[in-house]
Protein backbone atom coordinates (compact mmCIF):
# COMPACT_ATOMS: atom_id res chain seq x y z
CA LEU A 1 -20.19 -7.04 18.34
CA GLN A 2 -20.10 -9.82 20.84
CA GLN A 3 -23.79 -9.45 21.63
CA LEU A 4 -24.81 -9.29 17.96
CA LEU A 5 -22.39 -11.74 16.27
CA GLY A 6 -21.66 -13.95 19.19
CA PRO A 7 -24.97 -16.08 18.99
CA LEU A 8 -24.63 -16.35 15.24
CA LEU A 9 -20.98 -17.42 15.36
CA SER A 10 -21.78 -19.88 18.06
CA GLN A 11 -24.66 -21.41 15.99
CA VAL A 12 -22.62 -21.59 12.78
CA PHE A 13 -19.57 -23.00 14.61
CA SER A 14 -21.30 -25.70 16.65
CA GLY A 15 -21.64 -23.85 19.93
CA GLN A 16 -17.92 -22.96 20.17
CA SER A 17 -16.95 -19.58 21.59
CA SER A 18 -14.62 -17.23 19.63
CA PRO A 19 -11.09 -18.52 19.93
CA THR A 20 -8.20 -16.47 21.27
CA LEU A 21 -5.45 -14.90 19.50
CA ARG A 22 -3.03 -17.39 21.35
CA THR A 23 -4.79 -20.27 19.50
CA VAL A 24 -4.65 -18.38 16.17
CA LEU A 25 -0.94 -17.69 16.45
CA ALA A 26 0.11 -21.29 17.54
CA GLY A 27 2.74 -22.51 15.16
CA LYS A 28 2.76 -19.50 12.80
CA PRO A 29 6.05 -17.94 11.57
CA SER A 30 7.43 -14.91 13.38
CA THR A 31 8.30 -11.77 11.71
CA ILE A 32 10.32 -10.09 14.35
CA VAL A 33 13.23 -7.83 13.30
CA GLU A 34 15.72 -5.42 15.04
CA PRO A 35 15.60 -1.64 14.55
CA ASN A 36 18.94 -1.64 12.51
CA SER A 37 17.60 -4.44 10.14
CA SER A 38 17.93 -3.25 6.61
CA LEU A 39 14.58 -2.89 4.57
CA GLN A 40 15.95 -5.41 2.17
CA ASN A 41 16.22 -8.12 4.88
CA VAL A 42 12.95 -6.93 6.38
CA GLY A 43 11.13 -7.32 3.10
CA GLU A 44 12.48 -10.89 2.37
CA MET A 45 11.29 -11.93 5.69
CA MET A 46 7.85 -10.28 5.28
CA GLY A 47 7.70 -11.80 1.74
CA GLU A 48 8.25 -15.28 2.96
CA ALA A 49 5.86 -15.09 5.97
CA ARG A 50 3.26 -12.86 4.20
CA LYS A 51 3.07 -10.70 7.36
CA ALA A 52 4.04 -7.38 8.47
CA ALA A 53 7.32 -7.11 10.47
CA LEU A 54 7.43 -6.26 14.23
CA VAL A 55 10.43 -4.25 15.17
CA VAL A 56 11.66 -5.43 18.60
CA ASP A 57 14.58 -3.88 20.71
CA LYS A 58 15.80 -5.58 23.87
CA GLY A 59 12.56 -7.66 23.94
CA ASN A 60 10.18 -4.75 23.69
CA LEU A 61 8.01 -3.97 20.78
CA VAL A 62 9.12 -0.60 19.39
CA GLY A 63 7.61 -0.56 15.88
CA ILE A 64 5.65 -2.11 13.10
CA PHE A 65 6.23 -2.06 9.37
CA GLY A 66 3.64 -3.28 6.85
CA PHE A 67 3.42 -4.02 3.23
CA LYS A 68 1.86 -0.52 2.49
CA ASP A 69 4.61 1.17 4.43
CA MET A 70 7.18 -0.68 2.33
CA MET A 71 5.41 0.53 -0.97
CA THR A 72 4.72 4.14 0.06
CA ARG A 73 7.54 4.94 2.56
CA ALA A 74 10.40 3.01 0.86
CA VAL A 75 9.72 1.86 -2.67
CA ALA A 76 7.81 5.00 -3.88
CA ARG A 77 10.44 7.36 -2.27
CA GLU A 78 13.30 5.33 -3.83
CA LEU A 79 15.04 4.64 -0.62
CA PRO A 80 18.10 2.38 -0.67
CA LEU A 81 16.75 -0.81 0.65
CA ASN A 82 20.05 -2.25 1.60
CA LEU A 83 21.20 0.70 3.45
CA THR A 84 18.04 1.96 5.11
CA ALA A 85 17.20 0.72 8.69
CA VAL A 86 13.60 -0.27 9.35
CA SER A 87 13.51 2.02 12.39
CA THR A 88 13.64 5.09 10.17
CA VAL A 89 10.36 4.24 8.30
CA MET A 90 8.49 2.07 10.83
CA THR A 91 5.40 3.30 12.76
CA PRO A 92 6.77 3.59 16.39
CA ASN A 93 5.17 2.23 19.40
CA PRO A 94 2.15 0.65 17.88
CA GLU A 95 -0.86 -0.57 19.85
CA SER A 96 -0.78 -4.25 20.83
CA VAL A 97 -3.31 -6.70 22.34
CA SER A 98 -3.06 -9.60 24.67
CA PRO A 99 -2.94 -13.13 23.34
CA ASP A 100 -5.87 -13.92 25.40
CA THR A 101 -8.02 -11.50 23.37
CA THR A 102 -10.68 -13.32 21.40
CA VAL A 103 -11.13 -13.16 17.56
CA LEU A 104 -14.32 -11.14 17.98
CA GLU A 105 -12.60 -8.63 20.14
CA ALA A 106 -9.66 -8.34 17.76
CA LEU A 107 -12.17 -7.62 14.91
CA GLN A 108 -13.69 -4.95 17.07
CA ILE A 109 -10.24 -3.32 17.85
CA MET A 110 -9.37 -3.46 14.18
CA HIS A 111 -12.62 -1.78 13.17
CA ASP A 112 -12.41 0.89 15.80
CA ASN A 113 -8.82 1.88 14.79
CA LYS A 114 -9.09 0.87 11.04
CA PHE A 115 -6.11 -1.50 11.67
CA LEU A 116 -5.45 -4.25 9.10
CA THR A 117 -2.96 -5.82 11.60
CA LEU A 118 -2.59 -6.30 15.31
CA PRO A 119 0.59 -6.93 17.27
CA VAL A 120 0.00 -9.49 19.99
CA CYS A 121 2.07 -9.13 23.27
CA GLU A 122 2.08 -10.80 26.65
CA VAL A 123 1.47 -8.65 29.67
CA ASN A 124 5.26 -8.66 30.37
CA GLY A 125 5.89 -7.08 26.89
CA SER A 126 7.24 -10.13 25.19
CA VAL A 127 6.13 -10.38 21.49
CA VAL A 128 3.82 -13.31 20.64
CA GLY A 129 3.25 -12.53 16.95
CA ILE A 130 0.96 -10.57 14.53
CA VAL A 131 -2.47 -11.17 13.33
CA ASP A 132 -4.47 -9.65 10.34
CA VAL A 133 -8.17 -9.55 9.29
CA MET A 134 -7.95 -12.60 7.26
CA ASP A 135 -6.43 -14.57 10.23
CA CYS A 136 -9.55 -13.51 12.20
CA VAL A 137 -11.97 -14.49 9.44
CA TYR A 138 -10.27 -17.89 9.15
CA ALA A 139 -10.17 -18.31 12.93
CA SER A 140 -13.87 -17.93 13.05
CA GLY A 141 -14.51 -21.01 10.71
CA GLY A 142 -13.17 -20.20 7.52
CA ALA A 143 -15.13 -19.82 4.21
CA ASP A 144 -17.90 -22.50 5.32
CA GLY A 145 -18.69 -20.62 8.45
CA TRP A 146 -18.59 -17.15 6.81
CA ARG A 147 -20.76 -18.25 3.82
CA SER A 148 -23.58 -18.99 6.55
CA ILE A 149 -22.88 -15.61 8.21
CA PHE A 150 -22.88 -13.69 4.90
CA ALA A 151 -26.01 -15.40 3.84
CA SER A 152 -27.83 -14.51 7.10
CA ALA A 153 -26.54 -11.02 6.89
CA MET A 154 -28.15 -10.51 3.41
CA GLU A 155 -31.42 -12.21 3.74
CA CYS A 156 -33.52 -9.27 4.65
CA ASP A 157 -31.88 -6.56 2.46
CA ASP A 158 -34.25 -4.05 1.05
CA LEU A 159 -33.77 -4.66 -2.77
CA THR A 160 -36.03 -1.77 -3.61
CA ASP A 161 -33.17 0.43 -2.94
CA THR A 162 -31.47 1.16 -6.14
CA ALA A 163 -28.58 3.24 -5.08
CA SER A 164 -25.16 1.87 -6.21
CA VAL A 165 -21.75 2.72 -7.28
CA HIS A 166 -22.63 2.78 -10.88
CA SER A 167 -22.91 6.63 -10.69
CA ASN A 168 -20.14 8.91 -11.23
CA ARG A 169 -17.75 6.12 -12.59
CA SER A 170 -14.97 7.47 -14.85
CA GLY A 171 -12.31 5.49 -16.76
CA SER A 172 -13.62 1.89 -16.49
CA VAL A 173 -11.49 -0.79 -17.58
CA GLN A 174 -12.64 -3.48 -20.40
CA HIS A 175 -12.35 -6.92 -19.13
CA SER A 176 -12.04 -9.61 -21.93
CA VAL A 177 -13.88 -12.34 -20.15
CA LYS A 178 -17.03 -11.65 -17.94
CA SER A 179 -17.32 -13.16 -14.53
CA THR A 180 -19.18 -16.43 -14.25
CA ARG A 181 -22.78 -15.64 -13.14
CA SER A 182 -24.14 -17.38 -10.28
CA THR A 183 -27.45 -19.20 -10.55
CA HIS A 184 -28.58 -18.05 -7.00
CA LYS A 185 -32.03 -16.78 -6.59
CA LYS A 186 -32.60 -13.17 -7.56
CA SER A 187 -33.38 -12.00 -4.04
CA ASN A 188 -29.69 -12.23 -3.31
CA MET A 189 -28.07 -8.84 -2.78
CA PRO A 190 -25.93 -7.87 -5.59
CA VAL A 191 -22.30 -7.05 -5.33
CA SER A 192 -23.01 -3.29 -6.18
CA LYS A 193 -24.61 -3.09 -2.65
CA LEU A 194 -21.13 -3.62 -1.11
CA ARG A 195 -19.98 -0.29 -2.73
CA PRO A 196 -16.74 -1.23 -4.44
CA LYS A 197 -13.99 1.41 -4.49
CA ALA A 198 -13.28 3.16 -7.79
CA PRO A 199 -10.40 1.34 -9.46
CA MET A 200 -6.88 2.92 -9.49
CA VAL A 201 -5.49 2.19 -13.03
CA SER A 202 -1.98 1.79 -14.47
CA SER A 203 -0.70 0.57 -17.92
CA SER A 204 1.17 -2.71 -18.29
CA ASN A 205 4.13 -0.75 -19.68
CA ASP A 206 4.49 1.12 -16.50
CA THR A 207 7.33 0.41 -13.91
CA VAL A 208 6.62 -0.90 -10.45
CA LEU A 209 8.17 2.47 -9.19
CA SER A 210 5.61 4.53 -11.12
CA VAL A 211 2.61 2.32 -10.03
CA ALA A 212 3.91 2.56 -6.33
CA GLN A 213 4.17 6.30 -6.47
CA MET A 214 0.68 6.68 -8.04
CA LEU A 215 -0.82 4.37 -5.27
CA ALA A 216 1.10 6.45 -2.62
CA SER A 217 -0.22 9.65 -3.85
CA LYS A 218 -3.81 8.42 -3.91
CA ARG A 219 -3.46 6.45 -0.65
CA GLY A 220 -4.28 3.22 -2.45
CA ASP A 221 -3.04 -0.30 -1.92
CA ALA A 222 -4.06 -2.05 -5.21
CA ALA A 223 -3.80 -1.04 -8.88
CA ILE A 224 -5.71 -2.49 -11.88
CA ILE A 225 -3.30 -3.06 -14.64
CA THR A 226 -4.32 -2.55 -18.29
CA ASP A 227 -2.90 -3.85 -21.49
CA LEU A 228 -2.29 -1.78 -24.69
CA ASN A 229 -5.77 -2.17 -25.66
CA GLY A 230 -7.31 -0.92 -22.45
CA GLY A 231 -8.43 -4.44 -21.26
CA LEU A 232 -7.75 -5.91 -18.02
CA ALA A 233 -4.39 -7.50 -17.74
CA GLY A 234 -3.87 -7.93 -14.02
CA ILE A 235 -3.75 -6.45 -10.49
CA ILE A 236 -0.92 -5.56 -8.15
CA THR A 237 -1.22 -4.89 -4.48
CA ASP A 238 1.19 -3.54 -1.81
CA THR A 239 1.84 -7.08 -0.62
CA ASP A 240 2.85 -7.99 -4.15
CA VAL A 241 5.38 -5.35 -4.18
CA THR A 242 7.17 -6.58 -1.06
CA ARG A 243 6.93 -10.24 -2.07
CA ARG A 244 7.66 -10.05 -5.80
CA VAL A 245 9.98 -6.98 -6.15
CA VAL A 246 11.55 -6.20 -2.77
CA ALA A 247 11.98 -9.77 -1.70
CA LYS A 248 13.46 -10.75 -5.04
CA ASN A 249 15.89 -7.84 -4.86
CA LEU A 250 14.33 -6.45 -8.11
CA PRO A 251 14.91 -2.68 -9.08
CA ALA A 252 11.44 -0.94 -8.75
CA SER A 253 12.60 1.73 -11.20
CA SER A 254 13.34 -0.63 -14.18
CA THR A 255 10.91 -3.65 -13.39
CA CYS A 256 7.91 -3.64 -15.57
CA VAL A 257 4.76 -4.16 -13.53
CA ALA A 258 3.46 -6.75 -16.10
CA ASP A 259 6.29 -8.96 -14.83
CA VAL A 260 5.18 -8.96 -11.16
CA MET A 261 1.40 -8.54 -11.34
CA THR A 262 -1.17 -11.20 -10.86
CA ALA A 263 -2.31 -11.81 -14.49
CA ASN A 264 -5.96 -12.38 -15.32
CA PRO A 265 -7.23 -12.18 -11.81
CA SER A 266 -10.69 -13.58 -10.82
CA CYS A 267 -13.49 -11.08 -11.03
CA VAL A 268 -17.17 -10.65 -9.94
CA ALA A 269 -19.85 -8.68 -11.76
CA MET A 270 -21.91 -5.96 -10.22
CA ALA A 271 -25.10 -8.09 -10.51
CA ASP A 272 -23.59 -11.11 -8.94
CA PRO A 273 -24.63 -12.33 -5.43
CA ALA A 274 -22.55 -10.25 -2.88
CA THR A 275 -22.40 -13.49 -0.71
CA ASP A 276 -20.63 -15.34 -3.51
CA ALA A 277 -18.07 -12.48 -4.11
CA LEU A 278 -17.28 -12.42 -0.33
CA VAL A 279 -16.91 -16.05 0.09
CA THR A 280 -14.69 -16.17 -2.96
CA MET A 281 -12.35 -13.60 -1.28
CA VAL A 282 -12.17 -15.85 1.94
CA GLU A 283 -11.78 -19.06 0.23
CA ASN A 284 -8.85 -17.79 -1.94
CA ARG A 285 -7.49 -15.35 0.66
CA PHE A 286 -8.03 -12.48 -1.57
CA ARG A 287 -8.11 -9.14 0.02
CA HIS A 288 -8.96 -7.41 -3.40
CA LEU A 289 -11.34 -8.61 -6.21
CA PRO A 290 -11.98 -6.55 -9.26
CA VAL A 291 -15.70 -5.87 -10.15
CA THR A 292 -17.08 -5.60 -13.59
CA ASP A 293 -20.22 -4.07 -15.25
CA ASP A 294 -22.64 -5.91 -17.38
CA ASN A 295 -20.25 -5.34 -20.40
CA GLY A 296 -17.23 -6.64 -18.77
CA ALA A 297 -15.55 -3.48 -17.95
CA VAL A 298 -13.76 -3.19 -14.58
CA VAL A 299 -15.62 -0.46 -12.68
CA GLY A 300 -14.62 -1.28 -8.98
CA VAL A 301 -12.49 -3.14 -6.58
CA LEU A 302 -13.91 -5.00 -3.50
CA ASP A 303 -11.76 -4.69 -0.26
CA ILE A 304 -12.64 -7.52 2.16
CA ALA A 305 -11.32 -5.27 5.12
CA LYS A 306 -13.62 -2.42 3.93
CA CYS A 307 -16.58 -4.68 3.59
CA LEU A 308 -16.08 -6.01 7.25
CA ASN A 309 -15.63 -2.43 8.50
CA ASP A 310 -18.90 -1.22 6.91
CA ALA A 311 -20.76 -4.29 8.38
CA ILE A 312 -19.51 -3.58 11.89
CA SER A 313 -20.25 0.18 11.62
CA LYS A 314 -23.91 -0.63 10.93
CA LEU A 315 -23.94 -3.10 13.78
CA GLU A 316 -22.79 -0.35 16.05
CA ARG A 317 -25.40 2.08 14.83
CA SER A 318 -28.02 -0.55 15.46
CA THR A 319 -27.23 -1.03 19.22
CA ASP A 320 -29.73 1.65 20.27
CA LYS A 321 -32.64 -0.12 18.79
CA SER A 322 -34.69 -3.07 20.12
CA SER A 323 -33.13 -6.57 19.92
CA ASN A 324 -35.49 -7.43 17.01
CA ALA A 325 -34.29 -4.37 15.18
CA ALA A 326 -30.72 -5.16 16.03
CA GLU A 327 -31.03 -8.64 14.51
CA GLU A 328 -32.60 -7.12 11.23
CA ALA A 329 -29.67 -4.64 11.19
CA LEU A 330 -27.13 -7.62 11.46
CA LYS A 331 -28.90 -9.39 8.46
CA ALA A 332 -28.61 -6.04 6.43
CA SER A 333 -25.09 -5.14 7.55
CA PHE A 334 -23.07 -6.22 4.50
CA GLY A 335 -24.99 -4.00 2.02
CA GLY A 336 -27.43 -1.16 2.18
CA ALA A 337 -28.20 2.29 0.66
CA GLY A 338 -25.65 4.57 -0.77
CA GLY A 339 -23.76 5.17 -3.96
CA ALA A 340 -20.08 6.08 -4.35
CA GLN A 341 -19.15 7.79 -1.04
CA ALA A 342 -17.34 10.76 -2.44
CA ALA A 343 -20.32 11.43 -4.83
CA ALA A 344 -22.74 10.95 -2.02
CA LEU A 345 -20.83 13.39 0.27
CA GLN A 346 -20.64 15.89 -2.36
CA GLN A 347 -24.30 15.47 -3.15
CA LEU A 348 -25.57 15.65 0.35
CA LEU A 349 -23.22 18.40 1.81
CA GLY A 350 -22.59 20.42 -1.41
CA PRO A 351 -25.87 22.47 -1.40
CA LEU A 352 -25.61 22.93 2.33
CA LEU A 353 -22.16 24.30 2.27
CA SER A 354 -23.00 26.37 -0.94
CA GLN A 355 -25.88 27.96 1.15
CA ALA A 356 -23.69 28.52 4.16
CA PHE A 357 -20.84 30.04 2.32
CA SER A 358 -23.21 32.50 0.13
CA GLY A 359 -23.16 30.43 -2.93
CA GLN A 360 -19.46 29.58 -2.92
CA SER A 361 -18.24 25.90 -3.39
CA SER A 362 -16.68 24.03 -0.62
CA PRO A 363 -13.72 26.29 0.82
CA THR A 364 -10.20 25.14 0.52
CA LEU A 365 -7.90 24.12 3.27
CA ARG A 366 -5.77 27.17 2.53
CA THR A 367 -8.78 29.30 3.48
CA VAL A 368 -9.45 27.32 6.62
CA LEU A 369 -5.76 27.62 7.86
CA ALA A 370 -5.47 31.45 7.20
CA GLY A 371 -4.34 33.20 10.34
CA ARG A 372 -4.25 30.01 12.24
CA PRO A 373 -1.23 29.38 14.70
CA SER A 374 1.25 26.88 13.55
CA THR A 375 2.47 23.89 15.54
CA ILE A 376 5.69 23.22 13.76
CA VAL A 377 8.64 21.76 15.84
CA SER A 378 11.95 20.34 15.19
CA PRO A 379 13.02 16.58 15.51
CA THR A 380 15.07 17.50 18.66
CA THR A 381 12.36 19.50 20.39
CA THR A 382 11.49 17.97 23.66
CA ILE A 383 8.12 16.31 24.32
CA GLN A 384 7.43 18.92 27.05
CA GLN A 385 8.08 21.86 24.71
CA THR A 386 6.02 20.17 22.12
CA GLY A 387 3.08 19.57 24.55
CA ASN A 388 3.15 23.35 25.63
CA MET A 389 2.80 24.29 21.86
CA MET A 390 0.03 21.78 21.38
CA ALA A 391 -1.86 22.85 24.35
CA GLU A 392 -1.77 26.54 23.33
CA ALA A 393 -2.83 25.88 19.79
CA ARG A 394 -4.96 22.97 20.55
CA LYS A 395 -3.50 21.25 17.62
CA ALA A 396 -1.33 18.21 16.96
CA ALA A 397 2.42 18.96 16.39
CA LEU A 398 4.01 18.77 12.86
CA VAL A 399 7.70 17.70 13.03
CA VAL A 400 9.78 19.57 10.38
CA GLU A 401 13.33 19.18 9.36
CA SER A 402 15.10 21.38 6.88
CA GLY A 403 11.80 22.52 5.68
CA ARG A 404 10.27 19.17 5.20
CA LEU A 405 7.66 17.36 6.95
CA ILE A 406 8.97 14.11 8.58
CA GLY A 407 6.57 13.44 11.35
CA ILE A 408 3.35 14.10 13.35
CA PHE A 409 2.74 13.93 16.88
CA GLY A 410 -0.94 14.10 18.32
CA PHE A 411 -2.64 14.26 21.61
CA LYS A 412 -3.38 10.48 21.73
CA ASP A 413 0.31 9.92 20.91
CA MET A 414 1.20 12.14 23.79
CA MET A 415 -0.96 10.09 26.10
CA THR A 416 -0.16 6.60 24.91
CA ARG A 417 3.44 6.94 23.76
CA ALA A 418 4.68 9.22 26.46
CA ILE A 419 2.59 9.73 29.54
CA ALA A 420 1.45 6.05 29.82
CA LYS A 421 5.01 4.90 29.33
CA GLU A 422 6.31 7.41 31.85
CA MET A 423 8.98 8.97 29.58
CA PRO A 424 10.85 11.85 30.85
CA LEU A 425 9.16 14.59 28.87
CA ASP A 426 11.90 17.08 29.38
CA TYR A 427 14.69 14.97 28.05
CA THR A 428 12.77 12.87 25.29
CA ALA A 429 12.87 14.23 21.65
CA VAL A 430 9.67 14.29 19.93
CA SER A 431 11.28 12.45 17.09
CA THR A 432 11.43 9.32 19.17
CA VAL A 433 7.69 8.97 19.55
CA MET A 434 6.25 10.78 16.46
CA THR A 435 4.56 8.92 13.51
CA PRO A 436 7.17 9.34 10.70
CA ASN A 437 6.45 10.36 7.16
CA PRO A 438 2.63 11.04 7.62
CA GLU A 439 0.35 11.37 4.72
CA SER A 440 -0.38 15.13 3.64
CA VAL A 441 -2.62 17.05 1.24
CA SER A 442 -2.42 20.13 -0.84
CA PRO A 443 -3.72 23.32 0.70
CA ASP A 444 -6.09 23.60 -2.46
CA THR A 445 -7.86 20.48 -1.29
CA THR A 446 -11.48 21.31 -0.53
CA VAL A 447 -13.14 20.79 2.93
CA LEU A 448 -15.33 18.00 1.53
CA GLU A 449 -12.32 16.30 -0.12
CA ALA A 450 -10.53 16.53 3.17
CA LEU A 451 -13.50 15.04 5.08
CA GLN A 452 -13.69 12.06 2.41
CA ILE A 453 -9.92 11.53 2.99
CA MET A 454 -10.38 11.50 6.78
CA HIS A 455 -13.17 9.09 6.51
CA ASP A 456 -11.55 6.69 4.10
CA ASN A 457 -8.31 6.61 6.12
CA LYS A 458 -9.99 7.20 9.61
CA PHE A 459 -7.63 10.07 10.14
CA LEU A 460 -8.46 12.81 12.91
CA THR A 461 -5.86 15.24 11.49
CA LEU A 462 -4.32 16.03 8.19
């Protein structure tokens, strides 16, 4: 990333090198809370600072709690916010970086781990703060600088490639006003090449709780809200749920989503220049932007984090080419071939799987797991005992209490959260280092669906 983007950034930003996170965080508000802080208090702090919370105990970072966590682990599960400690739903022992990490290095780390946020700590463990994707974008010159980068990235795209997300769309949402079309030259790559996500849709009559539960079940972080006629009424994100519901002490079960959504959001059309769409998101600090078709119906949602992630992925794949080829890959990195990912995966792998499994469709996870050893442990099981079981089964451990899944503990967790921190394995309960409340899927999920879910969320296990 440094090799490919560094010279371009230096040229765009007047020869300056990539700034460090220490510079980015200077003067920014802190969102440090204690493990016993209530979710209500944490939500109020997050809402004011518009940042995820860092959970610190005796000066050491012990957890992180973000906006999606608030929506899926607390609001969607109807936890009593005033009575629930953040330590029970946080992600424990998160990765952190030094404040001397550069913005480019931070973007690379976020891409590699699919992080949206990064805690920043000194060598001695003291917490400096937290940065997110948009912090890094703004630290690299803001909208003006990124406009030049986006434009350079798209100059040489192959516009003869017609694949787009128009295929296999269902349930589009009619928008009452089309987006303003740009007068840029036709050679600009269209928004469709950025592969917007399919919209997750709820009605303006729904409660915040039902919308949060829908998004949690689909692993989403933003919902398109429709009016009684099926037209676009607004959008609500995981951040909105914390800022406008939790922080305001509103009951999610009886608050109408129409009262807290962003009404009449900005939109772009599939045919609009992709550069304009991305710069609009940067300029306005939008993470999500609805996308309409030629008739004004909402058929997708752009996610700025996904756009950056896709770009870096293409840069990485280009590193084995010559320097000229790598430069061309950079210019094409924000678009490219491919339609809706799930449809493409089914289209490409489906026939192969059908042939491999004697004409059968993709097998289900129930079939895959038949006869396999289980790695279920209780919360009080020691890390040593858990490790023994994991080694024998060659699988991550599932932490189960009273028949319910409450956590997961993998091999990387063992290495980074236990071994590297010199924890006494025979005396430490796995519940203290597990990832709580992990996502899960039905055993009737197909292998192709599982691969897509793992890809979308960068999971190694499910």
